[in-house]
Amino acid sequence: MRLEFEDLLFDYKVDVFLAGHYHAFHRTCDGLYRSQCNNGGPIHITVGTAGAKLDEEPLYDNQWTANNIQHVYGYGRVTVMNASALLFEFVQAGGVNDTDAGAVRDQLWVTRHR
C-alpha cells in the first residue's frame, strides 16, 4: 500500500503513517519515499500486536527497516509534546506476572520544523 499512497503522503508532508494488519511491529527509516530513506516522506509504523495471533512469517528484509519486532504483544503509545514534536513508543504487553510487560521496546522522537 505504501506505493499506492506515497505520492499523496509526500505532497501533503505527512510525518508519520500508522497502520496495522500485519501482526508484528515494524518501523521504517525516517523520510521514506520511493524506497529511499531521508527522501522527504514519512516514517511508516505498523503495530498489529494488540491481541490477535501473532504472525509467524518474517517480513522480507529491506534497507529501509529501522526496527522489526516479532512474537511480542504490544501497543503503540504516542505523546504529543507540542506542535512540532511527538514521542512514539512501542510498549510490550503482558499479564500481571510478566516481568517484561510495560517495557518500551522501541521509541523515536518525531520533530518537524516546516
PDB file of N, CA and C in Angstrom:
ATOM      1  N   MET A   1       0.815  -1.191   0.000  1.00  0.00           N
ATOM      2  CA  MET A   1       0.000   0.000   0.000  1.00  0.00           C
ATOM      3  C   MET A   1       0.859   1.256   0.000  1.00  0.00           C
ATOM      4  N   ARG A   2       2.081   1.164   0.514  1.00  0.00           N
ATOM      5  CA  ARG A   2       2.952   2.339   0.544  1.00  0.00           C
ATOM      6  C   ARG A   2       3.110   2.927  -0.846  1.00  0.00           C
ATOM      7  N   LEU A   3       3.285   2.076  -1.834  1.00  0.00           N
ATOM      8  CA  LEU A   3       3.490   2.558  -3.201  1.00  0.00           C
ATOM      9  C   LEU A   3       2.246   3.237  -3.759  1.00  0.00           C
ATOM     10  N   GLU A   4       1.068   2.820  -3.317  1.00  0.00           N
ATOM     11  CA  GLU A   4      -0.176   3.431  -3.786  1.00  0.00           C
ATOM     12  C   GLU A   4      -0.412   4.815  -3.185  1.00  0.00           C
ATOM     13  N   PHE A   5       0.059   5.033  -1.953  1.00  0.00           N
ATOM     14  CA  PHE A   5      -0.226   6.270  -1.236  1.00  0.00           C
ATOM     15  C   PHE A   5       0.957   7.217  -1.125  1.00  0.00           C
ATOM     16  N   GLU A   6       2.149   6.795  -1.448  1.00  0.00           N
ATOM     17  CA  GLU A   6       3.306   7.594  -1.068  1.00  0.00           C
ATOM     18  C   GLU A   6       3.387   8.958  -1.731  1.00  0.00           C
ATOM     19  N   ASP A   7       2.926   9.117  -2.958  1.00  0.00           N
ATOM     20  CA  ASP A   7       2.936  10.448  -3.574  1.00  0.00           C
ATOM     21  C   ASP A   7       2.001  11.398  -2.827  1.00  0.00           C
ATOM     22  N   LEU A   8       0.837  10.903  -2.417  1.00  0.00           N
ATOM     23  CA  LEU A   8      -0.103  11.710  -1.656  1.00  0.00           C
ATOM     24  C   LEU A   8       0.483  12.094  -0.295  1.00  0.00           C
ATOM     25  N   LEU A   9       1.089  11.136   0.393  1.00  0.00           N
ATOM     26  CA  LEU A   9       1.705  11.407   1.689  1.00  0.00           C
ATOM     27  C   LEU A   9       2.853  12.398   1.548  1.00  0.00           C
ATOM     28  N   PHE A  10       3.625  12.272   0.489  1.00  0.00           N
ATOM     29  CA  PHE A  10       4.740  13.178   0.219  1.00  0.00           C
ATOM     30  C   PHE A  10       4.224  14.592  -0.065  1.00  0.00           C
ATOM     31  N   ASP A  11       3.231  14.700  -0.949  1.00  0.00           N
ATOM     32  CA  ASP A  11       2.690  16.012  -1.342  1.00  0.00           C
ATOM     33  C   ASP A  11       2.115  16.777  -0.157  1.00  0.00           C
ATOM     34  N   TYR A  12       1.493  16.058   0.787  1.00  0.00           N
ATOM     35  CA  TYR A  12       0.886  16.711   1.940  1.00  0.00           C
ATOM     36  C   TYR A  12       1.795  16.720   3.173  1.00  0.00           C
ATOM     37  N   LYS A  13       3.059  16.350   2.979  1.00  0.00           N
ATOM     38  CA  LYS A  13       4.074  16.426   4.030  1.00  0.00           C
ATOM     39  C   LYS A  13       3.679  15.668   5.307  1.00  0.00           C
ATOM     40  N   VAL A  14       3.149  14.456   5.123  1.00  0.00           N
ATOM     41  CA  VAL A  14       2.787  13.606   6.255  1.00  0.00           C
ATOM     42  C   VAL A  14       4.069  13.161   6.951  1.00  0.00           C
ATOM     43  N   ASP A  15       4.111  13.270   8.268  1.00  0.00           N
ATOM     44  CA  ASP A  15       5.308  12.918   9.030  1.00  0.00           C
ATOM     45  C   ASP A  15       5.343  11.459   9.456  1.00  0.00           C
ATOM     46  N   VAL A  16       4.189  10.935   9.880  1.00  0.00           N
ATOM     47  CA  VAL A  16       4.112   9.563  10.376  1.00  0.00           C
ATOM     48  C   VAL A  16       2.852   8.910   9.813  1.00  0.00           C
ATOM     49  N   PHE A  17       3.009   7.683   9.317  1.00  0.00           N
ATOM     50  CA  PHE A  17       1.880   6.904   8.821  1.00  0.00           C
ATOM     51  C   PHE A  17       1.740   5.686   9.713  1.00  0.00           C
ATOM     52  N   LEU A  18       0.616   5.595  10.448  1.00  0.00           N
ATOM     53  CA  LEU A  18       0.373   4.483  11.359  1.00  0.00           C
ATOM     54  C   LEU A  18      -0.565   3.482  10.697  1.00  0.00           C
ATOM     55  N   ALA A  19      -0.230   2.203  10.811  1.00  0.00           N
ATOM     56  CA  ALA A  19      -1.029   1.149  10.193  1.00  0.00           C
ATOM     57  C   ALA A  19      -1.062  -0.066  11.107  1.00  0.00           C
ATOM     58  N   GLY A  20      -1.892  -1.013  10.739  1.00  0.00           N
ATOM     59  CA  GLY A  20      -1.988  -2.277  11.451  1.00  0.00           C
ATOM     60  C   GLY A  20      -2.005  -3.406  10.450  1.00  0.00           C
ATOM     61  N   HIS A  21      -2.703  -4.436  10.740  1.00  0.00           N
ATOM     62  CA  HIS A  21      -2.952  -5.631   9.945  1.00  0.00           C
ATOM     63  C   HIS A  21      -1.849  -6.674  10.084  1.00  0.00           C
ATOM     64  N   TYR A  22      -0.627  -6.421   9.658  1.00  0.00           N
ATOM     65  CA  TYR A  22       0.426  -7.408   9.859  1.00  0.00           C
ATOM     66  C   TYR A  22       0.640  -7.549  11.363  1.00  0.00           C
ATOM     67  N   HIS A  23       0.613  -8.766  11.874  1.00  0.00           N
ATOM     68  CA  HIS A  23       0.609  -8.983  13.315  1.00  0.00           C
ATOM     69  C   HIS A  23       2.014  -9.079  13.879  1.00  0.00           C
ATOM     70  N   ALA A  24       2.704  -7.952  13.795  1.00  0.00           N
ATOM     71  CA  ALA A  24       4.035  -7.750  14.360  1.00  0.00           C
ATOM     72  C   ALA A  24       4.233  -6.238  14.431  1.00  0.00           C
ATOM     73  N   PHE A  25       5.401  -5.804  14.875  1.00  0.00           N
ATOM     74  CA  PHE A  25       5.746  -4.380  14.900  1.00  0.00           C
ATOM     75  C   PHE A  25       6.800  -4.131  13.840  1.00  0.00           C
ATOM     76  N   HIS A  26       6.610  -3.070  13.081  1.00  0.00           N
ATOM     77  CA  HIS A  26       7.578  -2.707  12.044  1.00  0.00           C
ATOM     78  C   HIS A  26       7.650  -1.196  11.941  1.00  0.00           C
ATOM     79  N   ARG A  27       8.873  -0.670  11.851  1.00  0.00           N
ATOM     80  CA  ARG A  27       9.077   0.771  11.673  1.00  0.00           C
ATOM     81  C   ARG A  27      10.118   0.979  10.587  1.00  0.00           C
ATOM     82  N   THR A  28       9.824   1.918   9.690  1.00  0.00           N
ATOM     83  CA  THR A  28      10.778   2.237   8.630  1.00  0.00           C
ATOM     84  C   THR A  28      11.710   3.346   9.076  1.00  0.00           C
ATOM     85  N   CYS A  29      12.680   3.616   8.241  1.00  0.00           N
ATOM     86  CA  CYS A  29      13.556   4.760   8.443  1.00  0.00           C
ATOM     87  C   CYS A  29      12.746   6.046   8.286  1.00  0.00           C
ATOM     88  N   ASP A  30      13.320   7.145   8.683  1.00  0.00           N
ATOM     89  CA  ASP A  30      12.691   8.450   8.527  1.00  0.00           C
ATOM     90  C   ASP A  30      12.774   8.890   7.070  1.00  0.00           C
ATOM     91  N   GLY A  31      11.734   9.565   6.618  1.00  0.00           N
ATOM     92  CA  GLY A  31      11.763  10.158   5.287  1.00  0.00           C
ATOM     93  C   GLY A  31      11.633   9.188   4.138  1.00  0.00           C
ATOM     94  N   LEU A  32      10.962   8.051   4.345  1.00  0.00           N
ATOM     95  CA  LEU A  32      10.876   7.026   3.295  1.00  0.00           C
ATOM     96  C   LEU A  32      10.006   7.503   2.132  1.00  0.00           C
ATOM     97  N   TYR A  33      10.621   7.614   0.983  1.00  0.00           N
ATOM     98  CA  TYR A  33       9.915   7.985  -0.243  1.00  0.00           C
ATOM     99  C   TYR A  33      10.655   7.368  -1.416  1.00  0.00           C
ATOM    100  N   ARG A  34       9.898   6.651  -2.234  1.00  0.00           N
ATOM    101  CA  ARG A  34      10.455   5.948  -3.401  1.00  0.00           C
ATOM    102  C   ARG A  34      11.608   5.026  -3.004  1.00  0.00           C
ATOM    103  N   SER A  35      11.374   4.303  -1.917  1.00  0.00           N
ATOM    104  CA  SER A  35      12.310   3.297  -1.396  1.00  0.00           C
ATOM    105  C   SER A  35      13.656   3.859  -0.961  1.00  0.00           C
ATOM    106  N   GLN A  36      13.693   5.157  -0.647  1.00  0.00           N
ATOM    107  CA  GLN A  36      14.915   5.803  -0.173  1.00  0.00           C
ATOM    108  C   GLN A  36      14.650   6.485   1.167  1.00  0.00           C
ATOM    109  N   CYS A  37      15.559   6.292   2.113  1.00  0.00           N
ATOM    110  CA  CYS A  37      15.469   6.960   3.408  1.00  0.00           C
ATOM    111  C   CYS A  37      15.888   8.425   3.268  1.00  0.00           C
ATOM    112  N   ASN A  38      15.428   9.254   4.204  1.00  0.00           N
ATOM    113  CA  ASN A  38      15.769  10.680   4.230  1.00  0.00           C
ATOM    114  C   ASN A  38      15.472  11.356   2.902  1.00  0.00           C
ATOM    115  N   ASN A  39      14.323  11.011   2.328  1.00  0.00           N
ATOM    116  CA  ASN A  39      13.962  11.481   0.998  1.00  0.00           C
ATOM    117  C   ASN A  39      12.657  12.294   1.013  1.00  0.00           C
ATOM    118  N   GLY A  40      12.265  12.794   2.194  1.00  0.00           N
ATOM    119  CA  GLY A  40      11.113  13.672   2.275  1.00  0.00           C
ATOM    120  C   GLY A  40       9.790  13.018   2.582  1.00  0.00           C
ATOM    121  N   GLY A  41       9.749  11.719   2.726  1.00  0.00           N
ATOM    122  CA  GLY A  41       8.499  11.019   3.028  1.00  0.00           C
ATOM    123  C   GLY A  41       8.333  10.794   4.523  1.00  0.00           C
ATOM    124  N   PRO A  42       7.290  10.077   4.905  1.00  0.00           N
ATOM    125  CA  PRO A  42       7.030   9.835   6.323  1.00  0.00           C
ATOM    126  C   PRO A  42       7.785   8.613   6.864  1.00  0.00           C
ATOM    127  N   ILE A  43       7.695   8.456   8.161  1.00  0.00           N
ATOM    128  CA  ILE A  43       8.056   7.214   8.833  1.00  0.00           C
ATOM    129  C   ILE A  43       6.797   6.353   8.807  1.00  0.00           C
ATOM    130  N   HIS A  44       6.918   5.095   8.439  1.00  0.00           N
ATOM    131  CA  HIS A  44       5.783   4.171   8.441  1.00  0.00           C
ATOM    132  C   HIS A  44       5.915   3.258   9.656  1.00  0.00           C
ATOM    133  N   ILE A  45       4.853   3.192  10.456  1.00  0.00           N
ATOM    134  CA  ILE A  45       4.853   2.347  11.649  1.00  0.00           C
ATOM    135  C   ILE A  45       3.650   1.412  11.584  1.00  0.00           C
ATOM    136  N   THR A  46       3.909   0.115  11.687  1.00  0.00           N
ATOM    137  CA  THR A  46       2.851  -0.886  11.734  1.00  0.00           C
ATOM    138  C   THR A  46       2.838  -1.502  13.126  1.00  0.00           C
ATOM    139  N   VAL A  47       1.697  -1.404  13.792  1.00  0.00           N
ATOM    140  CA  VAL A  47       1.509  -2.036  15.099  1.00  0.00           C
ATOM    141  C   VAL A  47       0.283  -2.929  14.979  1.00  0.00           C
ATOM    142  N   GLY A  48       0.505  -4.215  14.874  1.00  0.00           N
ATOM    143  CA  GLY A  48      -0.582  -5.180  14.756  1.00  0.00           C
ATOM    144  C   GLY A  48      -0.466  -6.245  15.815  1.00  0.00           C
ATOM    145  N   THR A  49      -0.135  -5.836  17.026  1.00  0.00           N
ATOM    146  CA  THR A  49       0.231  -6.787  18.074  1.00  0.00           C
ATOM    147  C   THR A  49      -0.622  -6.664  19.328  1.00  0.00           C
ATOM    148  N   ALA A  50      -1.870  -6.249  19.173  1.00  0.00           N
ATOM    149  CA  ALA A  50      -2.678  -5.960  20.357  1.00  0.00           C
ATOM    150  C   ALA A  50      -3.537  -7.115  20.829  1.00  0.00           C
ATOM    151  N   GLY A  51      -3.499  -8.274  20.174  1.00  0.00           N
ATOM    152  CA  GLY A  51      -4.291  -9.361  20.724  1.00  0.00           C
ATOM    153  C   GLY A  51      -4.537 -10.532  19.805  1.00  0.00           C
ATOM    154  N   ALA A  52      -4.565 -10.311  18.501  1.00  0.00           N
ATOM    155  CA  ALA A  52      -4.762 -11.434  17.580  1.00  0.00           C
ATOM    156  C   ALA A  52      -3.508 -12.305  17.560  1.00  0.00           C
ATOM    157  N   LYS A  53      -3.637 -13.496  17.010  1.00  0.00           N
ATOM    158  CA  LYS A  53      -2.476 -14.387  16.892  1.00  0.00           C
ATOM    159  C   LYS A  53      -1.366 -13.671  16.124  1.00  0.00           C
ATOM    160  N   LEU A  54      -0.163 -13.699  16.661  1.00  0.00           N
ATOM    161  CA  LEU A  54       0.972 -13.021  16.027  1.00  0.00           C
ATOM    162  C   LEU A  54       1.421 -13.781  14.790  1.00  0.00           C
ATOM    163  N   ASP A  55       1.879 -13.041  13.775  1.00  0.00           N
ATOM    164  CA  ASP A  55       2.361 -13.667  12.545  1.00  0.00           C
ATOM    165  C   ASP A  55       3.656 -14.427  12.797  1.00  0.00           C
ATOM    166  N   GLU A  56       3.760 -15.589  12.185  1.00  0.00           N
ATOM    167  CA  GLU A  56       4.949 -16.426  12.310  1.00  0.00           C
ATOM    168  C   GLU A  56       5.963 -16.141  11.209  1.00  0.00           C
ATOM    169  N   GLU A  57       5.476 -15.717  10.041  1.00  0.00           N
ATOM    170  CA  GLU A  57       6.359 -15.481   8.902  1.00  0.00           C
ATOM    171  C   GLU A  57       7.086 -14.148   9.064  1.00  0.00           C
ATOM    172  N   PRO A  58       8.391 -14.141   8.868  1.00  0.00           N
ATOM    173  CA  PRO A  58       9.132 -12.875   8.972  1.00  0.00           C
ATOM    174  C   PRO A  58       8.848 -11.968   7.782  1.00  0.00           C
ATOM    175  N   LEU A  59       9.024 -10.675   7.994  1.00  0.00           N
ATOM    176  CA  LEU A  59       8.956  -9.729   6.889  1.00  0.00           C
ATOM    177  C   LEU A  59      10.180  -9.925   6.008  1.00  0.00           C
ATOM    178  N   TYR A  60      10.019  -9.627   4.731  1.00  0.00           N
ATOM    179  CA  TYR A  60      11.199  -9.696   3.869  1.00  0.00           C
ATOM    180  C   TYR A  60      12.155  -8.577   4.262  1.00  0.00           C
ATOM    181  N   ASP A  61      13.422  -8.851   4.183  1.00  0.00           N
ATOM    182  CA  ASP A  61      14.444  -7.902   4.589  1.00  0.00           C
ATOM    183  C   ASP A  61      14.556  -6.784   3.556  1.00  0.00           C
ATOM    184  N   ASN A  62      14.699  -5.558   4.016  1.00  0.00           N
ATOM    185  CA  ASN A  62      14.893  -4.426   3.115  1.00  0.00           C
ATOM    186  C   ASN A  62      15.743  -3.359   3.796  1.00  0.00           C
ATOM    187  N   GLN A  63      16.252  -2.453   3.014  1.00  0.00           N
ATOM    188  CA  GLN A  63      17.182  -1.452   3.531  1.00  0.00           C
ATOM    189  C   GLN A  63      16.491  -0.345   4.320  1.00  0.00           C
ATOM    190  N   TRP A  64      15.182  -0.233   4.242  1.00  0.00           N
ATOM    191  CA  TRP A  64      14.522   0.861   4.931  1.00  0.00           C
ATOM    192  C   TRP A  64      13.908   0.449   6.268  1.00  0.00           C
ATOM    193  N   THR A  65      14.083  -0.774   6.698  1.00  0.00           N
ATOM    194  CA  THR A  65      13.580  -1.194   8.003  1.00  0.00           C
ATOM    195  C   THR A  65      14.482  -0.645   9.099  1.00  0.00           C
ATOM    196  N   ALA A  66      13.888   0.122  10.006  1.00  0.00           N
ATOM    197  CA  ALA A  66      14.636   0.630  11.153  1.00  0.00           C
ATOM    198  C   ALA A  66      14.495  -0.308  12.352  1.00  0.00           C
ATOM    199  N   ASN A  67      13.312  -0.938  12.486  1.00  0.00           N
ATOM    200  CA  ASN A  67      13.110  -1.883  13.574  1.00  0.00           C
ATOM    201  C   ASN A  67      11.966  -2.824  13.207  1.00  0.00           C
ATOM    202  N   ASN A  68      12.130  -4.084  13.555  1.00  0.00           N
ATOM    203  CA  ASN A  68      11.115  -5.103  13.321  1.00  0.00           C
ATOM    204  C   ASN A  68      11.102  -6.015  14.543  1.00  0.00           C
ATOM    205  N   ILE A  69       9.970  -6.044  15.239  1.00  0.00           N
ATOM    206  CA  ILE A  69       9.849  -6.863  16.444  1.00  0.00           C
ATOM    207  C   ILE A  69       8.717  -7.853  16.218  1.00  0.00           C
ATOM    208  N   GLN A  70       9.037  -9.130  16.290  1.00  0.00           N
ATOM    209  CA  GLN A  70       8.038 -10.178  16.081  1.00  0.00           C
ATOM    210  C   GLN A  70       7.872 -10.993  17.353  1.00  0.00           C
ATOM    211  N   HIS A  71       6.730 -11.682  17.445  1.00  0.00           N
ATOM    212  CA  HIS A  71       6.435 -12.606  18.537  1.00  0.00           C
ATOM    213  C   HIS A  71       6.320 -11.896  19.892  1.00  0.00           C
ATOM    214  N   VAL A  72       5.936 -10.609  19.860  1.00  0.00           N
ATOM    215  CA  VAL A  72       5.769  -9.835  21.093  1.00  0.00           C
ATOM    216  C   VAL A  72       4.447  -9.077  21.003  1.00  0.00           C
ATOM    217  N   TYR A  73       3.564  -9.299  21.968  1.00  0.00           N
ATOM    218  CA  TYR A  73       2.352  -8.496  22.033  1.00  0.00           C
ATOM    219  C   TYR A  73       2.701  -7.114  22.560  1.00  0.00           C
ATOM    220  N   GLY A  74       2.037  -6.110  22.025  1.00  0.00           N
ATOM    221  CA  GLY A  74       2.306  -4.761  22.473  1.00  0.00           C
ATOM    222  C   GLY A  74       1.378  -3.754  21.834  1.00  0.00           C
ATOM    223  N   TYR A  75       1.643  -2.494  22.132  1.00  0.00           N
ATOM    224  CA  TYR A  75       0.810  -1.402  21.626  1.00  0.00           C
ATOM    225  C   TYR A  75       1.678  -0.173  21.404  1.00  0.00           C
ATOM    226  N   GLY A  76       1.169   0.725  20.598  1.00  0.00           N
ATOM    227  CA  GLY A  76       1.859   1.985  20.364  1.00  0.00           C
ATOM    228  C   GLY A  76       1.351   3.052  21.309  1.00  0.00           C
ATOM    229  N   ARG A  77       2.270   3.852  21.817  1.00  0.00           N
ATOM    230  CA  ARG A  77       1.903   4.958  22.707  1.00  0.00           C
ATOM    231  C   ARG A  77       2.484   6.238  22.109  1.00  0.00           C
ATOM    232  N   VAL A  78       1.623   7.221  21.911  1.00  0.00           N
ATOM    233  CA  VAL A  78       2.047   8.492  21.327  1.00  0.00           C
ATOM    234  C   VAL A  78       1.878   9.588  22.368  1.00  0.00           C
ATOM    235  N   THR A  79       2.941  10.350  22.593  1.00  0.00           N
ATOM    236  CA  THR A  79       2.892  11.506  23.481  1.00  0.00           C
ATOM    237  C   THR A  79       3.193  12.737  22.642  1.00  0.00           C
ATOM    238  N   VAL A  80       2.205  13.602  22.516  1.00  0.00           N
ATOM    239  CA  VAL A  80       2.391  14.840  21.757  1.00  0.00           C
ATOM    240  C   VAL A  80       2.972  15.869  22.708  1.00  0.00           C
ATOM    241  N   MET A  81       4.152  16.368  22.367  1.00  0.00           N
ATOM    242  CA  MET A  81       4.827  17.324  23.239  1.00  0.00           C
ATOM    243  C   MET A  81       4.433  18.769  22.919  1.00  0.00           C
ATOM    244  N   ASN A  82       4.371  19.083  21.630  1.00  0.00           N
ATOM    245  CA  ASN A  82       3.973  20.416  21.181  1.00  0.00           C
ATOM    246  C   ASN A  82       3.629  20.323  19.699  1.00  0.00           C
ATOM    247  N   ALA A  83       3.495  21.444  19.024  1.00  0.00           N
ATOM    248  CA  ALA A  83       3.058  21.456  17.624  1.00  0.00           C
ATOM    249  C   ALA A  83       4.068  20.844  16.670  1.00  0.00           C
ATOM    250  N   SER A  84       5.306  20.643  17.109  1.00  0.00           N
ATOM    251  CA  SER A  84       6.320  20.116  16.188  1.00  0.00           C
ATOM    252  C   SER A  84       7.072  18.900  16.713  1.00  0.00           C
ATOM    253  N   ALA A  85       6.621  18.306  17.821  1.00  0.00           N
ATOM    254  CA  ALA A  85       7.350  17.156  18.368  1.00  0.00           C
ATOM    255  C   ALA A  85       6.401  16.166  19.029  1.00  0.00           C
ATOM    256  N   LEU A  86       6.645  14.879  18.751  1.00  0.00           N
ATOM    257  CA  LEU A  86       5.928  13.827  19.453  1.00  0.00           C
ATOM    258  C   LEU A  86       6.868  12.661  19.698  1.00  0.00           C
ATOM    259  N   LEU A  87       6.545  11.894  20.711  1.00  0.00           N
ATOM    260  CA  LEU A  87       7.293  10.693  21.057  1.00  0.00           C
ATOM    261  C   LEU A  87       6.410   9.490  20.761  1.00  0.00           C
ATOM    262  N   PHE A  88       6.919   8.555  19.955  1.00  0.00           N
ATOM    263  CA  PHE A  88       6.224   7.296  19.710  1.00  0.00           C
ATOM    264  C   PHE A  88       6.986   6.198  20.442  1.00  0.00           C
ATOM    265  N   GLU A  89       6.247   5.327  21.155  1.00  0.00           N
ATOM    266  CA  GLU A  89       6.851   4.197  21.853  1.00  0.00           C
ATOM    267  C   GLU A  89       6.071   2.924  21.536  1.00  0.00           C
ATOM    268  N   PHE A  90       6.785   1.833  21.300  1.00  0.00           N
ATOM    269  CA  PHE A  90       6.169   0.519  21.214  1.00  0.00           C
ATOM    270  C   PHE A  90       6.394  -0.138  22.562  1.00  0.00           C
ATOM    271  N   VAL A  91       5.280  -0.429  23.255  1.00  0.00           N
ATOM    272  CA  VAL A  91       5.320  -0.933  24.626  1.00  0.00           C
ATOM    273  C   VAL A  91       4.893  -2.393  24.631  1.00  0.00           C
ATOM    274  N   GLN A  92       5.691  -3.232  25.262  1.00  0.00           N
ATOM    275  CA  GLN A  92       5.378  -4.648  25.351  1.00  0.00           C
ATOM    276  C   GLN A  92       4.224  -4.866  26.316  1.00  0.00           C
ATOM    277  N   ALA A  93       3.248  -5.662  25.883  1.00  0.00           N
ATOM    278  CA  ALA A  93       2.105  -6.002  26.729  1.00  0.00           C
ATOM    279  C   ALA A  93       2.360  -7.354  27.377  1.00  0.00           C
ATOM    280  N   GLY A  94       1.590  -7.667  28.380  1.00  0.00           N
ATOM    281  CA  GLY A  94       1.724  -8.963  29.035  1.00  0.00           C
ATOM    282  C   GLY A  94       0.834  -9.038  30.253  1.00  0.00           C
ATOM    283  N   GLY A  95       0.812 -10.204  30.850  1.00  0.00           N
ATOM    284  CA  GLY A  95       0.000 -10.420  32.043  1.00  0.00           C
ATOM    285  C   GLY A  95       0.630  -9.796  33.275  1.00  0.00           C
ATOM    286  N   VAL A  96      -0.100  -9.865  34.377  1.00  0.00           N
ATOM    287  CA  VAL A  96       0.364  -9.233  35.616  1.00  0.00           C
ATOM    288  C   VAL A  96       1.656  -9.861  36.141  1.00  0.00           C
ATOM    289  N   ASN A  97       1.929 -11.115  35.814  1.00  0.00           N
ATOM    290  CA  ASN A  97       3.154 -11.772  36.282  1.00  0.00           C
ATOM    291  C   ASN A  97       4.280 -11.720  35.258  1.00  0.00           C
ATOM    292  N   ASP A  98       4.074 -11.023  34.161  1.00  0.00           N
ATOM    293  CA  ASP A  98       5.089 -10.911  33.116  1.00  0.00           C
ATOM    294  C   ASP A  98       6.023  -9.753  33.473  1.00  0.00           C
ATOM    295  N   THR A  99       7.247 -10.078  33.805  1.00  0.00           N
ATOM    296  CA  THR A  99       8.188  -9.042  34.232  1.00  0.00           C
ATOM    297  C   THR A  99       8.601  -8.108  33.094  1.00  0.00           C
ATOM    298  N   ASP A 100       8.366  -8.491  31.838  1.00  0.00           N
ATOM    299  CA  ASP A 100       8.689  -7.621  30.708  1.00  0.00           C
ATOM    300  C   ASP A 100       7.520  -6.740  30.286  1.00  0.00           C
ATOM    301  N   ALA A 101       6.346  -6.959  30.832  1.00  0.00           N
ATOM    302  CA  ALA A 101       5.185  -6.139  30.491  1.00  0.00           C
ATOM    303  C   ALA A 101       5.465  -4.688  30.862  1.00  0.00           C
ATOM    304  N   GLY A 102       5.157  -3.800  29.946  1.00  0.00           N
ATOM    305  CA  GLY A 102       5.392  -2.375  30.176  1.00  0.00           C
ATOM    306  C   GLY A 102       6.735  -1.883  29.684  1.00  0.00           C
ATOM    307  N   ALA A 103       7.598  -2.813  29.252  1.00  0.00           N
ATOM    308  CA  ALA A 103       8.912  -2.403  28.743  1.00  0.00           C
ATOM    309  C   ALA A 103       8.754  -1.698  27.394  1.00  0.00           C
ATOM    310  N   VAL A 104       9.464  -0.607  27.222  1.00  0.00           N
ATOM    311  CA  VAL A 104       9.474   0.097  25.943  1.00  0.00           C
ATOM    312  C   VAL A 104      10.478  -0.608  25.042  1.00  0.00           C
ATOM    313  N   ARG A 105       9.988  -1.212  23.953  1.00  0.00           N
ATOM    314  CA  ARG A 105      10.828  -1.999  23.059  1.00  0.00           C
ATOM    315  C   ARG A 105      11.385  -1.183  21.895  1.00  0.00           C
ATOM    316  N   ASP A 106      10.743  -0.059  21.596  1.00  0.00           N
ATOM    317  CA  ASP A 106      11.215   0.833  20.542  1.00  0.00           C
ATOM    318  C   ASP A 106      10.663   2.216  20.831  1.00  0.00           C
ATOM    319  N   GLN A 107      11.424   3.239  20.492  1.00  0.00           N
ATOM    320  CA  GLN A 107      10.934   4.598  20.644  1.00  0.00           C
ATOM    321  C   GLN A 107      11.635   5.516  19.661  1.00  0.00           C
ATOM    322  N   LEU A 108      10.927   6.562  19.289  1.00  0.00           N
ATOM    323  CA  LEU A 108      11.544   7.568  18.433  1.00  0.00           C
ATOM    324  C   LEU A 108      10.836   8.885  18.631  1.00  0.00           C
ATOM    325  N   TRP A 109      11.601   9.934  18.503  1.00  0.00           N
ATOM    326  CA  TRP A 109      11.060  11.296  18.509  1.00  0.00           C
ATOM    327  C   TRP A 109      10.832  11.683  17.066  1.00  0.00           C
ATOM    328  N   VAL A 110       9.688  12.285  16.816  1.00  0.00           N
ATOM    329  CA  VAL A 110       9.387  12.848  15.507  1.00  0.00           C
ATOM    330  C   VAL A 110       9.297  14.351  15.703  1.00  0.00           C
ATOM    331  N   THR A 111      10.203  15.072  15.088  1.00  0.00           N
ATOM    332  CA  THR A 111      10.208  16.531  15.175  1.00  0.00           C
ATOM    333  C   THR A 111      10.205  17.104  13.768  1.00  0.00           C
ATOM    334  N   ARG A 112       9.434  18.119  13.585  1.00  0.00           N
ATOM    335  CA  ARG A 112       9.352  18.771  12.293  1.00  0.00           C
ATOM    336  C   ARG A 112       9.313  20.280  12.484  1.00  0.00           C
ATOM    337  N   HIS A 113      10.041  20.972  11.667  1.00  0.00           N
ATOM    338  CA  HIS A 113      10.053  22.442  11.678  1.00  0.00           C
ATOM    339  C   HIS A 113       9.873  22.886  10.244  1.00  0.00           C
ATOM    340  N   ARG A 114       8.641  22.966   9.808  1.00  0.00           N
ATOM    341  CA  ARG A 114       8.359  23.312   8.399  1.00  0.00           C
ATOM    342  C   ARG A 114       7.932  24.749   8.294  1.00  0.00           C
TER     343      ARG A 114
END
